[in-house]
Amino acid sequence: MDPLAAWAVLVQCCASVFHRRSFAIFGDLVTGWVLAPGRRTITGIIAVADPTGRRAHDAYHRFVRDGAWAMASLWRVLATHAVARFAPAGVVSVDCDDTLFHKSGRRVDGAGVFRDAVRSSGRRVVYALGLNLVVITLRVTPPWGGCPLGVPVNVRLHRKKDPTTTVEHAAEMIRELAAWLPERRFHLCCDGAYASLAGAALPRCHVTSRMRRDAAVYEPAPPPTGRRGRPRTKGDRLPTPPQIAAQARRRDWTRTTIDVRGRHVERLVHVRDVLWYRVNKHDVVRLVIVRDPDGVQPDDFFVTTDLAATGGDVASRYTGRWSIEVTFRDTKQDLGGQDPQCWKRKGPERAAALSLWLHGLIWCWYLDTHPTGGTWPTRPWYHHKTTPSFLDALAALRRLQWSHRITALSSPSTENTKITDTMLDALAYAA
């Protein structure tokens, strides 16, 4: 299929979510968001999407702020398409984390002061005003190899003083995904803040996360003795994970190869099944300790509910979680996810979620239309670059759409072609 037509088909798949007039506004909004060369404010998007003023500019603001449509329906369309296309069989690998979309202003609905993980460090915590979004991404292995990609498939807003915690939001989204895809099994990777999901009884889902270094772990509960009284629910207390690593003998470690985002490294792993009673009182989990054989990096401690996984599998699976961090960066820097100046009612939450939804849709389009990775401009500082980034995918779509607009208004002379090619190259990367 023609790449431009393929993009139109992807957008058309969302028609059932909207009324006819609303879908026309949605189509213009998505097009303007992709093509806007500066900040992605609503007015900046309108200037590109509707330069002749076919409809009142207030219609676009009302669509985002008060439109009669549901963001959850858009996520369902994208999630079912992405899973069917990029994970048609086997276990569906998903990642979870939260991120802060910075906002300014005294009265931004849904915003609050939260810890800014990007600017914080181990010794200094930085807080900022913004929207705290809990995000689930589908991990996709691109056909050209290299680092995995994170395609957003669900988002929830965590408000200040919200009775629902970020962990509970993540659990609700996984249950929602399981309802959308009732025949599929999932494997969720998350950082240590979401480790308690290992005891959340998520449907058809295993969880892999970091384990606290001071975690209280126990031997599995011994079998009932037949004596009077309540049987024991846990065995003897074990040392903390760092103490287990220190007490492990040389023969307890296994050398294995770990896939670190497309790069293979040698590591030592120690596996032990334990009962993490505070998180899951009934089921044993697998503790995996990963050690650098050269002693340069400190030991890592992971936990998984998948008791069939090897130590190398767990470590490789967790390192792929970094794709969700790349998704956050790309959405903020290349798609202007923090730019829309929406203040009231559903506006701020919808605008932020739409930026992540558009990020996923662009990757879906690019993976379908550029299976070999496509091309990108040669830069002397990127002479070792072998795989495309999200900005390259966005630039390919922008160049295609701008070319369709400009060539329809210009004569097909050789001189004009040289000028338009130079202009299209500049516009494509003016994100």
Protein backbone atom coordinates (compact mmCIF):
# COMPACT_ATOMS: atom_id res chain seq x y z
CA MET A 1 0.00 0.00 0.00
CA ASP A 2 1.10 3.56 -0.70
CA PRO A 3 2.60 4.99 2.54
CA LEU A 4 0.31 8.02 2.48
CA ALA A 5 -2.74 5.79 2.02
CA ALA A 6 -1.49 3.50 4.81
CA TRP A 7 -1.49 6.46 7.22
CA ALA A 8 -5.01 7.42 6.15
CA VAL A 9 -6.18 3.85 6.77
CA LEU A 10 -4.71 3.86 10.29
CA VAL A 11 -6.48 7.11 11.16
CA GLN A 12 -9.71 5.87 9.57
CA CYS A 13 -9.68 2.87 11.92
CA CYS A 14 -10.62 5.31 14.70
CA ALA A 15 -13.77 6.57 12.97
CA SER A 16 -16.03 4.41 15.13
CA VAL A 17 -14.87 6.26 18.26
CA PHE A 18 -16.32 9.60 17.09
CA HIS A 19 -19.39 11.14 15.55
CA ARG A 20 -18.98 12.15 11.90
CA ARG A 21 -18.22 15.83 12.55
CA SER A 22 -16.01 15.03 15.52
CA PHE A 23 -13.98 12.60 13.45
CA ALA A 24 -13.29 15.34 10.88
CA ILE A 25 -11.94 17.56 13.66
CA PHE A 26 -9.92 14.65 15.02
CA GLY A 27 -8.39 14.00 11.59
CA ASP A 28 -7.37 17.65 11.23
CA LEU A 29 -5.97 17.70 14.75
CA VAL A 30 -3.83 14.60 14.17
CA THR A 31 -2.58 15.96 10.83
CA GLY A 32 -1.75 19.34 12.32
CA TRP A 33 0.03 17.74 15.27
CA VAL A 34 2.27 15.76 12.93
CA LEU A 35 3.03 18.68 10.61
CA ALA A 36 3.36 21.58 13.06
CA PRO A 37 6.98 22.81 12.86
CA GLY A 38 7.03 24.53 16.25
CA ARG A 39 5.32 24.13 19.61
CA ARG A 40 2.28 21.86 19.52
CA THR A 41 -0.16 24.27 21.11
CA ILE A 42 -3.75 23.91 19.90
CA THR A 43 -3.52 27.24 18.06
CA GLY A 44 -0.19 26.19 16.51
CA ILE A 45 -1.78 22.95 15.33
CA ILE A 46 -4.80 24.80 13.89
CA ALA A 47 -2.53 27.10 11.86
CA VAL A 48 -1.20 24.05 9.98
CA ALA A 49 -4.29 21.83 9.97
CA ASP A 50 -6.85 24.48 9.00
CA PRO A 51 -5.02 27.52 7.56
CA THR A 52 -8.10 28.77 5.65
CA GLY A 53 -10.35 28.72 8.72
CA ARG A 54 -12.92 26.23 7.45
CA ARG A 55 -14.30 25.92 10.97
CA ALA A 56 -14.16 28.11 14.05
CA HIS A 57 -10.97 27.74 16.05
CA ASP A 58 -13.04 27.22 19.20
CA ALA A 59 -14.24 23.90 17.76
CA TYR A 60 -10.75 22.42 18.19
CA HIS A 61 -10.46 23.63 21.78
CA ARG A 62 -13.92 22.30 22.64
CA PHE A 63 -13.11 18.97 20.98
CA VAL A 64 -10.16 18.41 23.31
CA ARG A 65 -11.72 19.94 26.40
CA ASP A 66 -15.36 18.79 26.25
CA GLY A 67 -15.79 16.52 23.22
CA ALA A 68 -18.17 13.57 23.55
CA TRP A 69 -15.56 10.88 22.96
CA ALA A 70 -13.55 8.56 25.19
CA MET A 71 -9.77 8.26 25.24
CA ALA A 72 -10.14 4.63 26.39
CA SER A 73 -11.81 3.77 23.08
CA LEU A 74 -8.86 5.20 21.16
CA TRP A 75 -6.47 3.17 23.27
CA ARG A 76 -8.45 0.02 22.57
CA VAL A 77 -8.22 0.58 18.81
CA LEU A 78 -4.47 1.18 18.96
CA ALA A 79 -3.74 -1.67 21.40
CA THR A 80 -5.66 -4.32 19.48
CA HIS A 81 -4.09 -3.24 16.19
CA ALA A 82 -0.53 -3.09 17.57
CA VAL A 83 -0.74 -6.47 19.32
CA ALA A 84 -2.30 -8.18 16.30
CA ARG A 85 0.34 -6.70 14.01
CA PHE A 86 3.55 -6.94 16.09
CA ALA A 87 2.80 -9.71 18.61
CA PRO A 88 0.42 -12.04 16.74
CA ALA A 89 1.42 -15.11 18.79
CA GLY A 90 3.04 -15.98 22.08
CA VAL A 91 3.28 -13.87 25.20
CA VAL A 92 2.66 -10.12 24.85
CA SER A 93 5.51 -8.16 26.45
CA VAL A 94 4.46 -4.87 28.03
CA ASP A 95 6.24 -2.31 30.21
CA CYS A 96 4.93 0.09 32.83
CA ASP A 97 6.18 3.32 34.35
CA ASP A 98 4.99 6.82 35.20
CA THR A 99 6.24 10.13 33.88
CA LEU A 100 5.70 13.82 34.59
CA PHE A 101 4.43 16.12 31.84
CA HIS A 102 5.42 19.61 32.98
CA LYS A 103 2.70 22.26 33.05
CA SER A 104 2.69 25.89 34.13
CA GLY A 105 -0.18 27.85 35.59
CA ARG A 106 -2.14 27.94 38.81
CA ARG A 107 -5.27 26.15 37.66
CA VAL A 108 -4.47 23.19 35.43
CA ASP A 109 -7.05 20.48 35.99
CA GLY A 110 -5.42 17.22 37.02
CA ALA A 111 -1.98 18.75 37.63
CA GLY A 112 -0.10 18.62 40.90
CA VAL A 113 3.38 18.84 42.36
CA PHE A 114 5.16 15.53 41.90
CA ARG A 115 8.70 14.22 42.00
CA ASP A 116 10.51 14.85 38.72
CA ALA A 117 12.43 11.63 38.11
CA VAL A 118 14.48 13.13 35.27
CA ARG A 119 15.94 15.97 37.34
CA SER A 120 16.13 14.10 40.65
CA SER A 121 19.13 12.11 41.81
CA GLY A 122 19.93 9.81 44.69
CA ARG A 123 20.94 12.74 46.90
CA ARG A 124 18.57 15.43 45.69
CA VAL A 125 14.84 15.21 44.96
CA VAL A 126 13.32 17.76 42.58
CA TYR A 127 9.60 18.46 42.49
CA ALA A 128 7.69 20.10 39.65
CA LEU A 129 4.14 20.99 38.65
CA GLY A 130 2.64 18.78 35.98
CA LEU A 131 0.53 15.80 34.99
CA ASN A 132 1.60 12.47 36.47
CA LEU A 133 0.82 9.84 33.82
CA VAL A 134 0.98 6.09 34.34
CA VAL A 135 1.77 4.50 30.98
CA ILE A 136 1.69 0.94 29.58
CA THR A 137 3.74 0.31 26.43
CA LEU A 138 3.90 -2.67 24.12
CA ARG A 139 7.50 -3.80 23.62
CA VAL A 140 8.17 -4.32 19.92
CA THR A 141 11.31 -5.85 18.45
CA PRO A 142 11.90 -3.93 15.20
CA PRO A 143 12.72 -5.90 12.05
CA TRP A 144 16.01 -4.01 11.67
CA GLY A 145 17.23 -5.16 15.11
CA GLY A 146 18.79 -3.05 17.82
CA CYS A 147 16.95 -1.64 20.82
CA PRO A 148 13.28 -2.59 21.28
CA LEU A 149 10.58 0.02 20.74
CA GLY A 150 7.92 1.09 23.22
CA VAL A 151 4.48 1.61 21.65
CA PRO A 152 2.03 3.20 24.15
CA VAL A 153 -1.18 1.17 24.49
CA ASN A 154 -2.81 2.62 27.62
CA VAL A 155 -2.48 5.67 29.87
CA ARG A 156 -4.06 6.82 33.14
CA LEU A 157 -3.74 10.16 34.94
CA HIS A 158 -2.74 10.02 38.60
CA ARG A 159 -4.01 13.13 40.34
CA LYS A 160 -2.74 14.72 43.50
CA LYS A 161 -4.46 13.19 46.55
CA ASP A 162 -5.88 10.55 44.23
CA PRO A 163 -7.33 7.66 46.29
CA THR A 164 -6.09 5.32 43.54
CA THR A 165 -2.32 4.86 43.67
CA THR A 166 -0.08 4.64 40.61
CA VAL A 167 0.32 0.90 41.24
CA GLU A 168 -3.46 0.45 41.29
CA HIS A 169 -3.76 2.46 38.07
CA ALA A 170 -1.23 0.13 36.44
CA ALA A 171 -3.13 -2.95 37.65
CA GLU A 172 -6.41 -1.55 36.28
CA MET A 173 -4.83 -0.92 32.89
CA ILE A 174 -3.43 -4.45 32.70
CA ARG A 175 -6.89 -5.84 33.50
CA GLU A 176 -8.29 -3.58 30.79
CA LEU A 177 -5.76 -4.92 28.27
CA ALA A 178 -6.63 -8.47 29.30
CA ALA A 179 -10.32 -7.71 28.66
CA TRP A 180 -9.53 -6.26 25.21
CA LEU A 181 -7.39 -9.31 24.34
CA PRO A 182 -9.11 -12.20 26.16
CA GLU A 183 -7.08 -14.94 24.48
CA ARG A 184 -3.61 -13.53 25.08
CA ARG A 185 -1.10 -13.88 27.91
CA PHE A 186 1.07 -10.99 29.10
CA HIS A 187 4.42 -10.38 30.73
CA LEU A 188 4.79 -7.04 32.48
CA CYS A 189 8.15 -5.42 33.26
CA CYS A 190 8.29 -2.48 35.66
CA ASP A 191 10.75 -0.75 37.94
CA GLY A 192 10.94 -1.25 41.69
CA ALA A 193 8.13 1.21 42.43
CA TYR A 194 5.68 -1.27 40.87
CA ALA A 195 7.17 -4.47 42.30
CA SER A 196 4.07 -5.03 44.44
CA LEU A 197 2.21 -5.93 41.23
CA ALA A 198 3.81 -9.34 41.69
CA GLY A 199 1.08 -9.96 44.26
CA ALA A 200 -1.81 -8.23 42.47
CA ALA A 201 -3.19 -11.41 40.86
CA LEU A 202 -3.23 -9.85 37.40
CA PRO A 203 -5.15 -11.97 34.86
CA ARG A 204 -2.95 -14.13 32.60
CA CYS A 205 0.05 -11.95 33.42
CA HIS A 206 3.54 -12.56 34.87
CA VAL A 207 5.47 -9.68 36.41
CA THR A 208 9.21 -8.94 36.39
CA SER A 209 10.62 -6.10 38.46
CA ARG A 210 13.46 -5.05 40.70
CA MET A 211 13.51 -6.33 44.26
CA ARG A 212 14.30 -4.12 47.22
CA ARG A 213 17.74 -4.70 48.70
CA ASP A 214 16.21 -4.82 52.17
CA ALA A 215 13.32 -7.09 51.17
CA ALA A 216 12.18 -9.56 53.82
CA VAL A 217 12.16 -12.94 52.06
CA TYR A 218 11.38 -16.36 53.48
CA GLU A 219 11.56 -20.01 52.67
CA PRO A 220 8.30 -21.40 51.22
CA ALA A 221 5.72 -22.48 53.76
CA PRO A 222 6.37 -26.02 55.04
CA PRO A 223 3.70 -28.69 54.50
CA PRO A 224 1.03 -29.06 57.22
CA THR A 225 2.15 -31.19 60.16
CA GLY A 226 -1.32 -32.47 61.06
CA ARG A 227 -1.12 -30.94 64.51
CA ARG A 228 -3.73 -28.67 66.00
CA GLY A 229 -3.55 -24.98 65.19
CA ARG A 230 -3.18 -22.85 62.12
CA PRO A 231 -0.52 -24.13 59.69
CA ARG A 232 2.47 -21.96 58.96
CA THR A 233 2.10 -19.51 56.07
CA LYS A 234 5.84 -18.92 55.60
CA GLY A 235 9.07 -20.70 56.26
CA ASP A 236 12.24 -19.52 57.98
CA ARG A 237 13.44 -15.97 57.41
CA LEU A 238 16.20 -15.73 54.82
CA PRO A 239 18.98 -13.13 54.65
CA THR A 240 18.40 -9.99 52.58
CA PRO A 241 19.17 -10.26 48.83
CA PRO A 242 22.65 -8.65 49.17
CA GLN A 243 23.46 -11.07 51.98
CA ILE A 244 22.26 -14.01 49.87
CA ALA A 245 24.58 -12.81 47.10
CA ALA A 246 27.50 -12.52 49.53
CA GLN A 247 26.92 -15.99 50.98
CA ALA A 248 26.52 -17.71 47.59
CA ARG A 249 29.38 -20.02 46.69
CA ARG A 250 31.17 -20.00 43.38
CA ARG A 251 29.32 -23.06 42.14
CA ASP A 252 25.99 -21.34 42.84
CA TRP A 253 26.66 -18.81 40.08
CA THR A 254 26.01 -19.51 36.39
CA ARG A 255 27.70 -17.63 33.59
CA THR A 256 25.25 -16.55 30.91
CA THR A 257 24.87 -14.10 28.04
CA ILE A 258 22.40 -11.25 28.51
CA ASP A 259 20.82 -9.15 25.79
CA VAL A 260 21.24 -5.52 26.86
CA ARG A 261 19.10 -3.63 24.32
CA GLY A 262 20.62 -5.34 21.31
CA ARG A 263 24.12 -5.75 22.78
CA HIS A 264 25.25 -9.06 24.30
CA VAL A 265 27.23 -9.06 27.55
CA GLU A 266 28.50 -11.80 29.89
CA ARG A 267 27.08 -11.90 33.41
CA LEU A 268 26.92 -14.25 36.42
CA VAL A 269 23.44 -15.09 37.71
CA HIS A 270 22.22 -16.72 40.91
CA VAL A 271 18.61 -17.93 41.05
CA ARG A 272 16.60 -18.78 44.15
CA ASP A 273 12.87 -19.26 44.70
CA VAL A 274 11.68 -17.41 47.79
CA LEU A 275 8.50 -16.20 49.44
CA TRP A 276 8.27 -12.39 49.41
CA TYR A 277 5.62 -12.40 52.10
CA ARG A 278 4.90 -8.67 52.17
CA VAL A 279 4.09 -8.63 48.44
CA ASN A 280 2.61 -12.09 47.86
CA LYS A 281 1.61 -14.19 50.85
CA HIS A 282 0.67 -17.29 48.89
CA ASP A 283 2.89 -17.78 45.83
CA VAL A 284 6.64 -18.25 45.58
CA VAL A 285 8.55 -15.79 43.39
CA ARG A 286 11.94 -16.16 41.72
CA LEU A 287 14.80 -14.02 42.97
CA VAL A 288 17.51 -13.45 40.34
CA ILE A 289 20.83 -11.87 41.31
CA VAL A 290 22.96 -10.59 38.42
CA ARG A 291 26.67 -9.93 38.94
CA ASP A 292 29.28 -8.32 36.73
CA PRO A 293 32.15 -10.88 36.50
CA ASP A 294 34.63 -7.98 36.28
CA GLY A 295 33.25 -6.39 39.44
CA VAL A 296 32.80 -3.00 37.80
CA GLN A 297 29.03 -2.71 38.26
CA PRO A 298 27.16 -3.47 41.49
CA ASP A 299 24.90 -6.50 41.80
CA ASP A 300 21.34 -6.23 40.50
CA PHE A 301 18.37 -7.94 42.18
CA PHE A 302 15.29 -8.88 40.16
CA VAL A 303 12.08 -10.69 41.00
CA THR A 304 9.70 -12.49 38.68
CA THR A 305 6.52 -14.49 39.05
CA ASP A 306 7.52 -16.63 36.06
CA LEU A 307 9.10 -19.65 37.76
CA ALA A 308 9.98 -21.20 34.39
CA ALA A 309 12.26 -18.29 33.42
CA THR A 310 16.04 -18.65 33.63
CA GLY A 311 18.24 -16.01 35.19
CA GLY A 312 19.41 -14.82 31.79
CA ASP A 313 15.83 -14.54 30.56
CA VAL A 314 14.84 -12.37 33.52
CA ALA A 315 17.83 -10.04 33.20
CA SER A 316 17.41 -9.65 29.42
CA ARG A 317 13.71 -9.02 29.81
CA TYR A 318 14.26 -6.30 32.39
CA THR A 319 16.92 -4.45 30.38
CA GLY A 320 14.41 -4.12 27.54
CA ARG A 321 12.24 -2.04 29.86
CA TRP A 322 14.37 0.96 28.91
CA SER A 323 12.27 1.32 25.76
CA ILE A 324 9.51 3.01 27.79
CA GLU A 325 11.97 5.67 28.95
CA VAL A 326 12.90 6.37 25.32
CA THR A 327 9.19 6.67 24.53
CA PHE A 328 8.78 9.36 27.21
CA ARG A 329 11.73 11.33 25.87
CA ASP A 330 10.59 11.11 22.24
CA THR A 331 7.01 12.12 23.06
CA LYS A 332 8.14 15.19 24.99
CA GLN A 333 10.99 16.32 22.75
CA ASP A 334 9.84 15.34 19.25
CA LEU A 335 6.03 15.44 19.55
CA GLY A 336 5.71 18.30 22.03
CA GLY A 337 3.59 16.29 24.45
CA GLN A 338 3.94 19.00 27.10
CA ASP A 339 3.13 21.91 24.73
CA PRO A 340 -0.71 21.99 24.41
CA GLN A 341 -2.04 24.87 26.51
CA CYS A 342 -5.17 23.14 27.75
CA TRP A 343 -6.22 24.09 31.24
CA LYS A 344 -9.76 23.00 32.04
CA ARG A 345 -11.82 19.84 32.53
CA LYS A 346 -10.62 16.96 30.33
CA GLY A 347 -8.34 19.12 28.20
CA PRO A 348 -4.95 18.63 29.93
CA GLU A 349 -5.38 14.87 30.40
CA ARG A 350 -6.64 14.29 26.85
CA ALA A 351 -3.93 16.39 25.20
CA ALA A 352 -1.16 14.54 27.06
CA ALA A 353 -2.70 11.15 26.29
CA LEU A 354 -3.18 12.08 22.62
CA SER A 355 0.53 12.85 22.28
CA LEU A 356 1.42 9.36 23.54
CA TRP A 357 -1.32 7.79 21.39
CA LEU A 358 0.07 9.59 18.33
CA HIS A 359 3.57 8.35 19.17
CA GLY A 360 2.27 4.78 19.04
CA LEU A 361 0.35 5.34 15.81
CA ILE A 362 3.42 6.78 14.07
CA TRP A 363 5.52 3.75 15.03
CA CYS A 364 2.76 1.43 13.76
CA TRP A 365 2.77 3.25 10.43
CA TYR A 366 6.56 3.34 10.12
CA LEU A 367 7.08 -0.32 10.97
CA ASP A 368 4.54 -1.31 8.32
CA THR A 369 5.80 0.97 5.55
CA HIS A 370 9.56 0.85 6.28
CA PRO A 371 10.34 -2.75 7.29
CA THR A 372 14.04 -2.37 6.44
CA GLY A 373 14.45 0.80 8.50
CA GLY A 374 14.24 3.39 5.74
CA THR A 375 16.79 6.14 5.19
CA TRP A 376 17.83 9.28 7.05
CA PRO A 377 20.14 12.23 6.31
CA THR A 378 23.86 11.57 6.59
CA ARG A 379 25.38 13.47 9.50
CA PRO A 380 29.11 13.50 10.35
CA TRP A 381 28.31 13.10 14.05
CA TYR A 382 26.12 10.04 13.34
CA HIS A 383 28.43 8.11 11.02
CA HIS A 384 27.95 4.94 13.10
CA LYS A 385 24.14 5.15 13.12
CA THR A 386 22.55 1.98 11.72
CA THR A 387 18.95 2.03 12.99
CA PRO A 388 16.23 4.70 12.75
CA SER A 389 14.99 6.68 15.72
CA PHE A 390 11.48 7.94 16.39
CA LEU A 391 12.48 11.32 14.96
CA ASP A 392 13.38 9.56 11.69
CA ALA A 393 9.95 7.88 11.66
CA LEU A 394 8.22 11.19 12.34
CA ALA A 395 10.34 12.94 9.70
CA ALA A 396 9.41 10.31 7.10
CA LEU A 397 5.71 10.90 7.75
CA ARG A 398 6.10 14.69 7.80
CA ARG A 399 8.06 14.72 4.55
CA LEU A 400 5.43 12.58 2.87
CA GLN A 401 2.53 14.75 3.97
CA TRP A 402 4.28 18.06 3.30
CA SER A 403 5.31 16.79 -0.15
CA HIS A 404 1.67 15.94 -0.90
CA ARG A 405 0.62 19.45 0.11
CA ILE A 406 3.38 21.40 -1.60
CA THR A 407 3.63 19.54 -4.90
CA ALA A 408 -0.12 19.92 -5.38
CA LEU A 409 0.42 23.71 -5.48
CA SER A 410 3.67 23.93 -7.48
CA SER A 411 4.59 23.27 -11.09
CA PRO A 412 6.69 20.14 -11.80
CA SER A 413 9.84 21.88 -13.10
CA THR A 414 13.39 20.75 -12.35
CA GLU A 415 14.26 23.96 -10.54
CA ASN A 416 11.14 23.76 -8.38
CA THR A 417 11.94 20.15 -7.53
CA LYS A 418 15.36 21.13 -6.18
CA ILE A 419 13.85 23.90 -4.11
CA THR A 420 11.02 21.79 -2.73
CA ASP A 421 13.35 18.90 -1.88
CA THR A 422 15.53 21.23 0.20
CA MET A 423 12.47 22.71 1.87
CA LEU A 424 10.95 19.29 2.58
CA ASP A 425 14.19 18.09 4.20
CA ALA A 426 14.12 21.12 6.49
CA LEU A 427 10.43 20.75 7.32
CA ALA A 428 10.69 17.03 8.01
CA TYR A 429 13.08 17.50 10.93
CA ALA A 430 11.66 20.82 12.19
CA ALA A 431 9.87 19.04 15.00
